[in-house]
Structures are given as structure tokens and as C-alpha cells.
Amino acid sequence: MSESEAHTERGHDHDHSHAKAVTSGNERRMMFVLVFTAGYALVQAVGGWFSGSLALIADSGHMVSDAAALLLAVIAYRVARRPADSTRTYGFHRVRVLAALANGASLLLLVAWIIWEAIGRINAPHEVLAGPMLIVAIIGLMVNLAGAWILSRGAKGDNNLKGAFLHVIGDLLGSVGAIAAAIGIMLTGWTLLDPILSVLVAGLVVRSSWSLVRDSLRVLLQAVPRGIDARHAEKELADLVEIDDAGHFHAWTLTDDTVVATVHVIPKGNVDPLLLPDLVSKWLKSRYNIDHVTVQVDRPGTTWTNGL
């Protein structure tokens, strides 16, 4: 090999026509559930204000978070269709990450308001119209059951769809809790059930929104994806019989399940260096499910310093 380095990058090998059909079907399901979820979140907020139920307002906030998650998933499908250009060589995938971060941060502010209001209502209970509260909560349960059924019939293995399905299941549990609180107030007249439930529902919002913020920050900071240890990966590569040493392994998430990696390797003395890029790429694909890999083959005797 006349040059000191060899590079290769392996991409996805997919049946694009089949993938496009699957994506289109999942996107239609997502859009349908998005419209129902966003519409009912508005109904629930109005119903909560009319009935005086903070629990309904809190669950409305939870449904807004899920509608936002559904919207971001739809955006991900559509953004993925836009080609990369000379200035955005990775395309526009990170727009979804930025939107997710903004969404998660605003939801944490909503949770803070719900908890503050709940504390005030515990100290000074408000009248709650349990009848209207129960009606709105039952409608919510029906909407969420329909949404869960629609999403469950989508293609398996789609992380966008799976995340949306889990959000809808969380909404379903919130509706069940609101129904229980309404019935409890009707039977006992104990209106404290409403702020107590609102705090529990806010807990669901915190869990999903904090996860959204945390995962978005990991992507934006180009942290190594979960399940991959950079130093351990270098050691495993160095243990391969064809490789004398490996270093400068970097892996980051582009968006969702798309992982990009680069690595330097030094071949054993009797190994053709031109064979290593394909060998390393295939190994990282089988070991860590990394599809986009750039391999740099350095000359024997090369020494590396810490850092980039």
C-alpha cells in the first residue's frame, strides 16, 4: 500500500422500496393518533378548567407531551427524506433532536407549575365537579385505547413507533387514574384526591420529559451510545488476530438508532492492510450494530496520543 492510511465507510444495505412503504404506513398511523391526541388534550384542558380538576389539567399536559412526541416522530420520518447537501453532509436529522430538547425543557416547567398548584390546593381545597371530570376522563380512556390499538398494528422494529406507543400507554394509565379519582370524589366527597392524582400524573410527565432532555443532550454532546464502551471496544479490536493495536475509537448517535463511528487500527506484520477496513467494519456491525464506520489503517510503529 503506497499510502500510510486506508479509509472505508460502509452504509446501510436495505430494500429501500420496502422500507419506504413501511415508513409511509407507520407515518399515517402516527398522524392519525397525533390528531386525536392533540384534539383530546385541548378537550381535557377545557374540561379540567370547567370542572375545577387539576388532575385533568395535569393529564392534559401529559397528553400534550405525547402529542409533541408524536409530532417529533412524524417530523423524523419527513426530515429523513430530505437529501444531504454540500453544507449539511449529515442532512437535517439533528433538527428533531433540537425540537425534542426544547419540548422536554418546556414540559419540565409545566410540571413545576402543576406541583406548585397542587400544593396550594392541598392547603386550600377547591370544589371539583366530579361528574364532568368523570365524563372527560372516560372519553380520554377511549381515545387512548383506540390510539394504542392503531399503533400496535404498525411495523415492528420501528423505534419511532415504539416510543409513540409507550407514550400512549402512559396516557391510558393517566386516564384510568383520573377516572378513579372522579369516582372517589363522587363517593367520598374528598376533593384532595384531585391534587394528589395531579402530582402522580405530573410524575409521568417528569419521567418522559426528563428522558427526552437527557437523551437529546447525549446526542448533541456526541456521547458514546448506550451499550458501547469506547476503551473496551478498542481492546476487543486489538485482540483480533489481524490487528496489532487499535485506538482513537469514537462513536456517536446521529439520530434515533443511526450510529456513526471512526477508529484507527494498526495491522499485524503479515496482514494486508487493505483487508482491515472491511474486516473492522463488519466486526463493529456484528458486535455493536454500527452501520456507518470509517476505518483508518496506520503504518506499523505508529504511536497515538490521547485526545482526538
C-alpha atoms as a PDB file:
ATOM      1  CA  MET A   1       0.000   0.000   0.000  1.00  0.00           C
ATOM      2  CA  SER A   2       1.665   3.244  -1.175  1.00  0.00           C
ATOM      3  CA  GLU A   3      -0.240   5.484   1.233  1.00  0.00           C
ATOM      4  CA  SER A   4       0.068   5.362   5.001  1.00  0.00           C
ATOM      5  CA  GLU A   5      -3.681   5.271   5.516  1.00  0.00           C
ATOM      6  CA  ALA A   6      -6.653   3.446   4.086  1.00  0.00           C
ATOM      7  CA  HIS A   7     -10.244   4.578   4.572  1.00  0.00           C
ATOM      8  CA  THR A   8     -13.594   2.981   4.015  1.00  0.00           C
ATOM      9  CA  GLU A   9     -17.158   3.662   5.058  1.00  0.00           C
ATOM     10  CA  ARG A  10     -19.945   1.128   4.993  1.00  0.00           C
ATOM     11  CA  GLY A  11     -23.548   2.207   4.642  1.00  0.00           C
ATOM     12  CA  HIS A  12     -26.870   0.508   5.054  1.00  0.00           C
ATOM     13  CA  ASP A  13     -27.865  -2.248   2.678  1.00  0.00           C
ATOM     14  CA  HIS A  14     -31.643  -2.163   2.726  1.00  0.00           C
ATOM     15  CA  ASP A  15     -34.513  -2.788   0.389  1.00  0.00           C
ATOM     16  CA  HIS A  16     -35.384   0.900   0.075  1.00  0.00           C
ATOM     17  CA  SER A  17     -38.749   0.351  -1.625  1.00  0.00           C
ATOM     18  CA  HIS A  18     -39.902  -1.912   1.217  1.00  0.00           C
ATOM     19  CA  ALA A  19     -38.517   0.467   3.867  1.00  0.00           C
ATOM     20  CA  LYS A  20     -40.311   3.401   2.217  1.00  0.00           C
ATOM     21  CA  ALA A  21     -43.631   1.517   2.224  1.00  0.00           C
ATOM     22  CA  VAL A  22     -43.222   0.547   5.899  1.00  0.00           C
ATOM     23  CA  THR A  23     -42.288   4.109   6.861  1.00  0.00           C
ATOM     24  CA  SER A  24     -45.263   5.530   4.962  1.00  0.00           C
ATOM     25  CA  GLY A  25     -47.679   3.174   6.729  1.00  0.00           C
ATOM     26  CA  ASN A  26     -46.257   3.960  10.149  1.00  0.00           C
ATOM     27  CA  GLU A  27     -46.335   7.689   9.427  1.00  0.00           C
ATOM     28  CA  ARG A  28     -50.042   7.543   8.544  1.00  0.00           C
ATOM     29  CA  ARG A  29     -50.774   5.727  11.804  1.00  0.00           C
ATOM     30  CA  MET A  30     -48.739   8.297  13.710  1.00  0.00           C
ATOM     31  CA  MET A  31     -50.556  11.230  12.082  1.00  0.00           C
ATOM     32  CA  PHE A  32     -53.959   9.731  12.862  1.00  0.00           C
ATOM     33  CA  VAL A  33     -53.121   9.215  16.544  1.00  0.00           C
ATOM     34  CA  LEU A  34     -51.455  12.659  16.691  1.00  0.00           C
ATOM     35  CA  VAL A  35     -54.658  14.421  15.594  1.00  0.00           C
ATOM     36  CA  PHE A  36     -56.759  12.509  18.146  1.00  0.00           C
ATOM     37  CA  THR A  37     -54.250  13.013  20.964  1.00  0.00           C
ATOM     38  CA  ALA A  38     -53.796  16.750  20.375  1.00  0.00           C
ATOM     39  CA  GLY A  39     -57.544  17.273  19.951  1.00  0.00           C
ATOM     40  CA  TYR A  40     -58.365  15.437  23.147  1.00  0.00           C
ATOM     41  CA  ALA A  41     -55.612  17.272  25.077  1.00  0.00           C
ATOM     42  CA  LEU A  42     -57.480  20.505  24.283  1.00  0.00           C
ATOM     43  CA  VAL A  43     -60.837  18.989  25.314  1.00  0.00           C
ATOM     44  CA  GLN A  44     -59.270  17.706  28.527  1.00  0.00           C
ATOM     45  CA  ALA A  45     -57.727  21.086  29.381  1.00  0.00           C
ATOM     46  CA  VAL A  46     -61.101  22.821  28.879  1.00  0.00           C
ATOM     47  CA  GLY A  47     -62.853  20.068  30.849  1.00  0.00           C
ATOM     48  CA  GLY A  48     -60.325  20.389  33.665  1.00  0.00           C
ATOM     49  CA  TRP A  49     -60.824  24.152  33.830  1.00  0.00           C
ATOM     50  CA  PHE A  50     -64.626  23.825  33.784  1.00  0.00           C
ATOM     51  CA  SER A  51     -64.757  21.068  36.400  1.00  0.00           C
ATOM     52  CA  GLY A  52     -62.011  22.553  38.553  1.00  0.00           C
ATOM     53  CA  SER A  53     -59.962  19.362  38.259  1.00  0.00           C
ATOM     54  CA  LEU A  54     -56.209  19.867  38.396  1.00  0.00           C
ATOM     55  CA  ALA A  55     -55.803  16.147  37.689  1.00  0.00           C
ATOM     56  CA  LEU A  56     -57.439  16.581  34.277  1.00  0.00           C
ATOM     57  CA  ILE A  57     -55.284  19.625  33.542  1.00  0.00           C
ATOM     58  CA  ALA A  58     -52.177  17.668  34.581  1.00  0.00           C
ATOM     59  CA  ASP A  59     -53.160  14.725  32.398  1.00  0.00           C
ATOM     60  CA  SER A  60     -53.813  17.199  29.592  1.00  0.00           C
ATOM     61  CA  GLY A  61     -50.203  18.315  29.985  1.00  0.00           C
ATOM     62  CA  HIS A  62     -49.138  14.682  29.774  1.00  0.00           C
ATOM     63  CA  MET A  63     -51.126  14.271  26.562  1.00  0.00           C
ATOM     64  CA  VAL A  64     -49.573  17.455  25.161  1.00  0.00           C
ATOM     65  CA  SER A  65     -46.155  15.903  25.815  1.00  0.00           C
ATOM     66  CA  ASP A  66     -47.227  12.767  23.989  1.00  0.00           C
ATOM     67  CA  ALA A  67     -48.686  14.785  21.095  1.00  0.00           C
ATOM     68  CA  ALA A  68     -45.352  16.595  20.863  1.00  0.00           C
ATOM     69  CA  ALA A  69     -43.529  13.255  20.866  1.00  0.00           C
ATOM     70  CA  LEU A  70     -45.813  12.015  18.078  1.00  0.00           C
ATOM     71  CA  LEU A  71     -45.198  15.217  16.118  1.00  0.00           C
ATOM     72  CA  LEU A  72     -41.449  14.835  16.502  1.00  0.00           C
ATOM     73  CA  ALA A  73     -41.686  11.245  15.295  1.00  0.00           C
ATOM     74  CA  VAL A  74     -43.620  12.383  12.207  1.00  0.00           C
ATOM     75  CA  ILE A  75     -41.012  15.090  11.613  1.00  0.00           C
ATOM     76  CA  ALA A  76     -38.296  12.440  11.819  1.00  0.00           C
ATOM     77  CA  TYR A  77     -39.942  10.453   9.022  1.00  0.00           C
ATOM     78  CA  ARG A  78     -40.268  13.526   6.808  1.00  0.00           C
ATOM     79  CA  VAL A  79     -36.872  15.050   7.530  1.00  0.00           C
ATOM     80  CA  ALA A  80     -35.220  11.733   6.670  1.00  0.00           C
ATOM     81  CA  ARG A  81     -36.489  12.156   3.098  1.00  0.00           C
ATOM     82  CA  ARG A  82     -34.564  15.387   2.599  1.00  0.00           C
ATOM     83  CA  PRO A  83     -31.181  14.759   0.988  1.00  0.00           C
ATOM     84  CA  ALA A  84     -27.923  15.960   2.457  1.00  0.00           C
ATOM     85  CA  ASP A  85     -26.205  18.837   0.699  1.00  0.00           C
ATOM     86  CA  SER A  86     -22.699  20.279   0.485  1.00  0.00           C
ATOM     87  CA  THR A  87     -23.043  22.218   3.753  1.00  0.00           C
ATOM     88  CA  ARG A  88     -25.224  19.733   5.704  1.00  0.00           C
ATOM     89  CA  THR A  89     -23.495  16.485   4.848  1.00  0.00           C
ATOM     90  CA  TYR A  90     -25.406  14.574   7.534  1.00  0.00           C
ATOM     91  CA  GLY A  91     -28.720  16.006   6.386  1.00  0.00           C
ATOM     92  CA  PHE A  92     -31.287  17.577   8.703  1.00  0.00           C
ATOM     93  CA  HIS A  93     -31.703  14.838  11.310  1.00  0.00           C
ATOM     94  CA  ARG A  94     -30.479  16.936  14.253  1.00  0.00           C
ATOM     95  CA  VAL A  95     -33.451  19.323  13.857  1.00  0.00           C
ATOM     96  CA  ARG A  96     -35.545  16.640  15.531  1.00  0.00           C
ATOM     97  CA  VAL A  97     -33.077  16.430  18.421  1.00  0.00           C
ATOM     98  CA  LEU A  98     -33.214  20.192  18.986  1.00  0.00           C
ATOM     99  CA  ALA A  99     -37.016  20.109  18.922  1.00  0.00           C
ATOM    100  CA  ALA A 100     -37.042  17.238  21.423  1.00  0.00           C
ATOM    101  CA  LEU A 101     -34.765  19.173  23.787  1.00  0.00           C
ATOM    102  CA  ALA A 102     -36.999  22.264  23.647  1.00  0.00           C
ATOM    103  CA  ASN A 103     -40.072  20.102  24.147  1.00  0.00           C
ATOM    104  CA  GLY A 104     -38.636  18.329  27.188  1.00  0.00           C
ATOM    105  CA  ALA A 105     -37.485  21.573  28.834  1.00  0.00           C
ATOM    106  CA  SER A 106     -40.901  23.224  28.425  1.00  0.00           C
ATOM    107  CA  LEU A 107     -42.610  20.160  29.896  1.00  0.00           C
ATOM    108  CA  LEU A 108     -40.425  20.319  32.997  1.00  0.00           C
ATOM    109  CA  LEU A 109     -41.629  23.898  33.505  1.00  0.00           C
ATOM    110  CA  LEU A 110     -45.227  22.664  33.135  1.00  0.00           C
ATOM    111  CA  VAL A 111     -44.606  20.017  35.811  1.00  0.00           C
ATOM    112  CA  ALA A 112     -43.227  22.655  38.190  1.00  0.00           C
ATOM    113  CA  TRP A 113     -46.434  24.687  37.757  1.00  0.00           C
ATOM    114  CA  ILE A 114     -48.679  21.624  38.315  1.00  0.00           C
ATOM    115  CA  ILE A 115     -46.864  20.693  41.545  1.00  0.00           C
ATOM    116  CA  TRP A 116     -46.985  24.300  42.794  1.00  0.00           C
ATOM    117  CA  GLU A 117     -50.719  24.480  42.088  1.00  0.00           C
ATOM    118  CA  ALA A 118     -51.305  21.063  43.703  1.00  0.00           C
ATOM    119  CA  ILE A 119     -49.578  22.175  46.916  1.00  0.00           C
ATOM    120  CA  GLY A 120     -51.824  25.248  47.009  1.00  0.00           C
ATOM    121  CA  ARG A 121     -54.949  23.115  46.528  1.00  0.00           C
ATOM    122  CA  ILE A 122     -53.908  20.702  49.264  1.00  0.00           C
ATOM    123  CA  ASN A 123     -53.595  23.652  51.661  1.00  0.00           C
ATOM    124  CA  ALA A 124     -56.831  25.245  50.390  1.00  0.00           C
ATOM    125  CA  PRO A 125     -59.055  22.619  48.692  1.00  0.00           C
ATOM    126  CA  HIS A 126     -61.107  23.708  45.657  1.00  0.00           C
ATOM    127  CA  GLU A 127     -64.502  22.432  44.632  1.00  0.00           C
ATOM    128  CA  VAL A 128     -64.300  19.736  41.944  1.00  0.00           C
ATOM    129  CA  LEU A 129     -67.239  18.763  39.690  1.00  0.00           C
ATOM    130  CA  ALA A 130     -66.717  15.009  39.712  1.00  0.00           C
ATOM    131  CA  GLY A 131     -69.407  14.301  37.091  1.00  0.00           C
ATOM    132  CA  PRO A 132     -67.866  16.327  34.225  1.00  0.00           C
ATOM    133  CA  MET A 133     -64.427  15.153  35.327  1.00  0.00           C
ATOM    134  CA  LEU A 134     -65.529  11.516  35.015  1.00  0.00           C
ATOM    135  CA  ILE A 135     -67.066  12.049  31.566  1.00  0.00           C
ATOM    136  CA  VAL A 136     -63.920  13.719  30.191  1.00  0.00           C
ATOM    137  CA  ALA A 137     -61.682  11.016  31.703  1.00  0.00           C
ATOM    138  CA  ILE A 138     -63.781   8.208  30.160  1.00  0.00           C
ATOM    139  CA  ILE A 139     -63.556   9.880  26.733  1.00  0.00           C
ATOM    140  CA  GLY A 140     -59.784  10.073  27.245  1.00  0.00           C
ATOM    141  CA  LEU A 141     -59.614   6.380  28.043  1.00  0.00           C
ATOM    142  CA  MET A 142     -61.463   5.547  24.816  1.00  0.00           C
ATOM    143  CA  VAL A 143     -59.187   7.814  22.753  1.00  0.00           C
ATOM    144  CA  ASN A 144     -56.074   6.243  24.241  1.00  0.00           C
ATOM    145  CA  LEU A 145     -57.355   2.692  23.748  1.00  0.00           C
ATOM    146  CA  ALA A 146     -58.005   3.500  20.073  1.00  0.00           C
ATOM    147  CA  GLY A 147     -54.555   5.075  19.690  1.00  0.00           C
ATOM    148  CA  ALA A 148     -52.792   2.124  21.307  1.00  0.00           C
ATOM    149  CA  TRP A 149     -54.639  -0.304  19.026  1.00  0.00           C
ATOM    150  CA  ILE A 150     -53.736   1.678  15.889  1.00  0.00           C
ATOM    151  CA  LEU A 151     -50.050   1.929  16.779  1.00  0.00           C
ATOM    152  CA  SER A 152     -49.825  -1.721  17.853  1.00  0.00           C
ATOM    153  CA  ARG A 153     -50.731  -2.734  14.299  1.00  0.00           C
ATOM    154  CA  GLY A 154     -47.749  -0.884  12.805  1.00  0.00           C
ATOM    155  CA  ALA A 155     -44.496  -2.430  11.641  1.00  0.00           C
ATOM    156  CA  LYS A 156     -42.375  -3.912  14.400  1.00  0.00           C
ATOM    157  CA  GLY A 157     -38.780  -2.800  14.862  1.00  0.00           C
ATOM    158  CA  ASP A 158     -39.556   0.894  14.305  1.00  0.00           C
ATOM    159  CA  ASN A 159     -38.203   2.856  17.287  1.00  0.00           C
ATOM    160  CA  ASN A 160     -40.293   5.909  16.447  1.00  0.00           C
ATOM    161  CA  LEU A 161     -43.456   3.840  16.521  1.00  0.00           C
ATOM    162  CA  LYS A 162     -42.434   2.004  19.681  1.00  0.00           C
ATOM    163  CA  GLY A 163     -41.757   5.271  21.520  1.00  0.00           C
ATOM    164  CA  ALA A 164     -45.109   6.693  20.438  1.00  0.00           C
ATOM    165  CA  PHE A 165     -46.893   3.522  21.578  1.00  0.00           C
ATOM    166  CA  LEU A 166     -45.297   3.740  25.041  1.00  0.00           C
ATOM    167  CA  HIS A 167     -46.385   7.389  25.339  1.00  0.00           C
ATOM    168  CA  VAL A 168     -49.983   6.457  24.520  1.00  0.00           C
ATOM    169  CA  ILE A 169     -49.885   3.667  27.120  1.00  0.00           C
ATOM    170  CA  GLY A 170     -48.768   6.274  29.682  1.00  0.00           C
ATOM    171  CA  ASP A 171     -51.744   8.450  28.707  1.00  0.00           C
ATOM    172  CA  LEU A 172     -54.050   5.471  29.085  1.00  0.00           C
ATOM    173  CA  LEU A 173     -52.838   4.939  32.658  1.00  0.00           C
ATOM    174  CA  GLY A 174     -53.373   8.654  33.372  1.00  0.00           C
ATOM    175  CA  SER A 175     -56.968   8.394  32.174  1.00  0.00           C
ATOM    176  CA  VAL A 176     -57.551   5.363  34.388  1.00  0.00           C
ATOM    177  CA  GLY A 177     -56.216   7.352  37.354  1.00  0.00           C
ATOM    178  CA  ALA A 178     -58.458  10.336  36.572  1.00  0.00           C
ATOM    179  CA  ILE A 179     -61.492   8.013  36.391  1.00  0.00           C
ATOM    180  CA  ALA A 180     -60.556   6.520  39.751  1.00  0.00           C
ATOM    181  CA  ALA A 181     -60.188   9.984  41.306  1.00  0.00           C
ATOM    182  CA  ALA A 182     -63.534  11.176  39.900  1.00  0.00           C
ATOM    183  CA  ILE A 183     -65.337   8.110  41.243  1.00  0.00           C
ATOM    184  CA  GLY A 184     -63.565   8.510  44.584  1.00  0.00           C
ATOM    185  CA  ILE A 185     -64.670  12.152  44.856  1.00  0.00           C
ATOM    186  CA  MET A 186     -68.250  11.234  43.910  1.00  0.00           C
ATOM    187  CA  LEU A 187     -68.379   8.521  46.586  1.00  0.00           C
ATOM    188  CA  THR A 188     -66.479  10.235  49.405  1.00  0.00           C
ATOM    189  CA  GLY A 189     -66.523  13.950  48.567  1.00  0.00           C
ATOM    190  CA  TRP A 190     -62.786  14.023  49.354  1.00  0.00           C
ATOM    191  CA  THR A 191     -61.539  16.602  46.830  1.00  0.00           C
ATOM    192  CA  LEU A 192     -57.923  16.140  47.936  1.00  0.00           C
ATOM    193  CA  LEU A 193     -57.886  13.121  45.635  1.00  0.00           C
ATOM    194  CA  ASP A 194     -57.681  15.552  42.709  1.00  0.00           C
ATOM    195  CA  PRO A 195     -54.415  17.365  43.593  1.00  0.00           C
ATOM    196  CA  ILE A 196     -52.888  14.112  44.834  1.00  0.00           C
ATOM    197  CA  LEU A 197     -53.610  12.457  41.490  1.00  0.00           C
ATOM    198  CA  SER A 198     -52.331  15.521  39.606  1.00  0.00           C
ATOM    199  CA  VAL A 199     -48.949  15.076  41.295  1.00  0.00           C
ATOM    200  CA  LEU A 200     -48.874  11.396  40.281  1.00  0.00           C
ATOM    201  CA  VAL A 201     -49.694  12.293  36.677  1.00  0.00           C
ATOM    202  CA  ALA A 202     -47.035  15.018  36.802  1.00  0.00           C
ATOM    203  CA  GLY A 203     -44.627  12.262  37.786  1.00  0.00           C
ATOM    204  CA  LEU A 204     -45.394  10.521  34.495  1.00  0.00           C
ATOM    205  CA  VAL A 205     -44.658  13.768  32.652  1.00  0.00           C
ATOM    206  CA  VAL A 206     -41.363  14.226  34.533  1.00  0.00           C
ATOM    207  CA  ARG A 207     -40.269  10.713  33.637  1.00  0.00           C
ATOM    208  CA  SER A 208     -40.930  11.098  29.920  1.00  0.00           C
ATOM    209  CA  SER A 209     -39.755  14.720  29.612  1.00  0.00           C
ATOM    210  CA  TRP A 210     -36.538  14.182  31.610  1.00  0.00           C
ATOM    211  CA  SER A 211     -35.761  11.143  29.464  1.00  0.00           C
ATOM    212  CA  LEU A 212     -36.306  13.315  26.393  1.00  0.00           C
ATOM    213  CA  VAL A 213     -33.970  16.043  27.692  1.00  0.00           C
ATOM    214  CA  ARG A 214     -31.298  13.569  28.798  1.00  0.00           C
ATOM    215  CA  ASP A 215     -31.264  11.603  25.549  1.00  0.00           C
ATOM    216  CA  SER A 216     -31.273  14.790  23.457  1.00  0.00           C
ATOM    217  CA  LEU A 217     -28.282  16.156  25.370  1.00  0.00           C
ATOM    218  CA  ARG A 218     -26.426  12.863  24.906  1.00  0.00           C
ATOM    219  CA  VAL A 219     -26.913  13.108  21.149  1.00  0.00           C
ATOM    220  CA  LEU A 220     -25.971  16.811  20.945  1.00  0.00           C
ATOM    221  CA  LEU A 221     -22.856  16.238  23.078  1.00  0.00           C
ATOM    222  CA  GLN A 222     -21.963  13.303  20.796  1.00  0.00           C
ATOM    223  CA  ALA A 223     -21.701  10.931  23.749  1.00  0.00           C
ATOM    224  CA  VAL A 224     -20.946   7.292  23.044  1.00  0.00           C
ATOM    225  CA  PRO A 225     -24.269   5.470  22.539  1.00  0.00           C
ATOM    226  CA  ARG A 226     -25.567   3.370  25.405  1.00  0.00           C
ATOM    227  CA  GLY A 227     -24.178  -0.147  25.406  1.00  0.00           C
ATOM    228  CA  ILE A 228     -20.815   0.865  23.896  1.00  0.00           C
ATOM    229  CA  ASP A 229     -17.626   1.422  25.916  1.00  0.00           C
ATOM    230  CA  ALA A 230     -15.002   3.106  23.731  1.00  0.00           C
ATOM    231  CA  ARG A 231     -11.944   1.782  25.578  1.00  0.00           C
ATOM    232  CA  HIS A 232     -13.363  -1.735  25.733  1.00  0.00           C
ATOM    233  CA  ALA A 233     -14.131  -1.626  22.001  1.00  0.00           C
ATOM    234  CA  GLU A 234     -10.504  -0.661  21.285  1.00  0.00           C
ATOM    235  CA  LYS A 235      -9.272  -3.565  23.404  1.00  0.00           C
ATOM    236  CA  GLU A 236     -11.579  -6.013  21.638  1.00  0.00           C
ATOM    237  CA  LEU A 237     -10.381  -4.805  18.241  1.00  0.00           C
ATOM    238  CA  ALA A 238      -6.733  -5.096  19.319  1.00  0.00           C
ATOM    239  CA  ASP A 239      -7.396  -8.706  20.336  1.00  0.00           C
ATOM    240  CA  LEU A 240      -8.353  -9.666  16.771  1.00  0.00           C
ATOM    241  CA  VAL A 241      -5.627 -11.814  15.167  1.00  0.00           C
ATOM    242  CA  GLU A 242      -5.232  -9.451  12.194  1.00  0.00           C
ATOM    243  CA  ILE A 243      -4.786  -6.300  14.305  1.00  0.00           C
ATOM    244  CA  ASP A 244      -1.729  -5.273  16.291  1.00  0.00           C
ATOM    245  CA  ASP A 245      -3.333  -2.277  18.002  1.00  0.00           C
ATOM    246  CA  ALA A 246      -6.449  -0.078  17.880  1.00  0.00           C
ATOM    247  CA  GLY A 247      -7.139   3.417  19.171  1.00  0.00           C
ATOM    248  CA  HIS A 248      -8.996   6.690  18.741  1.00  0.00           C
ATOM    249  CA  PHE A 249     -12.335   4.899  18.680  1.00  0.00           C
ATOM    250  CA  HIS A 250     -15.185   7.415  18.555  1.00  0.00           C
ATOM    251  CA  ALA A 251     -18.877   6.591  18.206  1.00  0.00           C
ATOM    252  CA  TRP A 252     -21.854   8.926  18.324  1.00  0.00           C
ATOM    253  CA  THR A 253     -25.561   8.924  17.571  1.00  0.00           C
ATOM    254  CA  LEU A 254     -26.624  10.852  14.510  1.00  0.00           C
ATOM    255  CA  THR A 255     -30.319  10.432  15.311  1.00  0.00           C
ATOM    256  CA  ASP A 256     -32.519   7.656  16.720  1.00  0.00           C
ATOM    257  CA  ASP A 257     -30.762   4.351  16.008  1.00  0.00           C
ATOM    258  CA  THR A 258     -28.248   5.690  13.443  1.00  0.00           C
ATOM    259  CA  VAL A 259     -24.758   5.336  14.942  1.00  0.00           C
ATOM    260  CA  VAL A 260     -21.565   6.634  13.307  1.00  0.00           C
ATOM    261  CA  ALA A 261     -18.049   5.552  14.324  1.00  0.00           C
ATOM    262  CA  THR A 262     -14.398   6.136  13.443  1.00  0.00           C
ATOM    263  CA  VAL A 263     -11.362   4.140  14.557  1.00  0.00           C
ATOM    264  CA  HIS A 264      -7.606   3.814  13.903  1.00  0.00           C
ATOM    265  CA  VAL A 265      -6.021   0.360  13.615  1.00  0.00           C
ATOM    266  CA  ILE A 266      -2.504  -0.993  13.015  1.00  0.00           C
ATOM    267  CA  PRO A 267      -2.191  -4.320  11.137  1.00  0.00           C
ATOM    268  CA  LYS A 268      -0.072  -7.266  12.182  1.00  0.00           C
ATOM    269  CA  GLY A 269       3.133  -7.507  10.202  1.00  0.00           C
ATOM    270  CA  ASN A 270       1.949 -10.238   7.810  1.00  0.00           C
ATOM    271  CA  VAL A 271      -1.574  -8.832   7.234  1.00  0.00           C
ATOM    272  CA  ASP A 272      -2.590  -6.946   4.101  1.00  0.00           C
ATOM    273  CA  PRO A 273      -3.702  -3.508   5.399  1.00  0.00           C
ATOM    274  CA  LEU A 274      -6.273  -3.228   2.613  1.00  0.00           C
ATOM    275  CA  LEU A 275      -8.244  -6.062   4.228  1.00  0.00           C
ATOM    276  CA  LEU A 276      -8.661  -4.312   7.585  1.00  0.00           C
ATOM    277  CA  PRO A 277     -11.278  -1.622   6.779  1.00  0.00           C
ATOM    278  CA  ASP A 278     -13.833  -4.187   5.621  1.00  0.00           C
ATOM    279  CA  LEU A 279     -12.955  -6.598   8.431  1.00  0.00           C
ATOM    280  CA  VAL A 280     -13.272  -3.918  11.157  1.00  0.00           C
ATOM    281  CA  SER A 281     -16.496  -2.533   9.695  1.00  0.00           C
ATOM    282  CA  LYS A 282     -18.113  -5.974   9.641  1.00  0.00           C
ATOM    283  CA  TRP A 283     -16.930  -6.722  13.182  1.00  0.00           C
ATOM    284  CA  LEU A 284     -18.319  -3.444  14.585  1.00  0.00           C
ATOM    285  CA  LYS A 285     -21.588  -4.109  12.754  1.00  0.00           C
ATOM    286  CA  SER A 286     -21.962  -7.581  14.295  1.00  0.00           C
ATOM    287  CA  ARG A 287     -20.680  -6.600  17.763  1.00  0.00           C
ATOM    288  CA  TYR A 288     -22.299  -3.170  18.283  1.00  0.00           C
ATOM    289  CA  ASN A 289     -24.725  -2.832  15.360  1.00  0.00           C
ATOM    290  CA  ILE A 290     -22.830   0.172  13.967  1.00  0.00           C
ATOM    291  CA  ASP A 291     -23.542   0.584  10.267  1.00  0.00           C
ATOM    292  CA  HIS A 292     -21.587   3.727   9.372  1.00  0.00           C
ATOM    293  CA  VAL A 293     -17.905   3.131  10.145  1.00  0.00           C
ATOM    294  CA  THR A 294     -14.794   4.946   8.942  1.00  0.00           C
ATOM    295  CA  VAL A 295     -11.592   2.946   9.486  1.00  0.00           C
ATOM    296  CA  GLN A 296      -8.120   4.466   9.276  1.00  0.00           C
ATOM    297  CA  VAL A 297      -5.261   1.993   8.888  1.00  0.00           C
ATOM    298  CA  ASP A 298      -1.967   3.377  10.222  1.00  0.00           C
ATOM    299  CA  ARG A 299       1.540   2.107   9.493  1.00  0.00           C
ATOM    300  CA  PRO A 300       3.160  -0.353  11.939  1.00  0.00           C
ATOM    301  CA  GLY A 301       5.087   1.568  14.582  1.00  0.00           C
ATOM    302  CA  THR A 302       2.628   4.478  14.626  1.00  0.00           C
ATOM    303  CA  THR A 303       2.152   5.933  18.109  1.00  0.00           C
ATOM    304  CA  TRP A 304      -1.013   7.722  19.181  1.00  0.00           C
ATOM    305  CA  THR A 305      -1.504  10.478  21.700  1.00  0.00           C
ATOM    306  CA  ASN A 306      -4.567  10.891  23.878  1.00  0.00           C
ATOM    307  CA  GLY A 307      -7.407  13.030  22.616  1.00  0.00           C
ATOM    308  CA  LEU A 308      -8.871  13.459  19.153  1.00  0.00           C
END
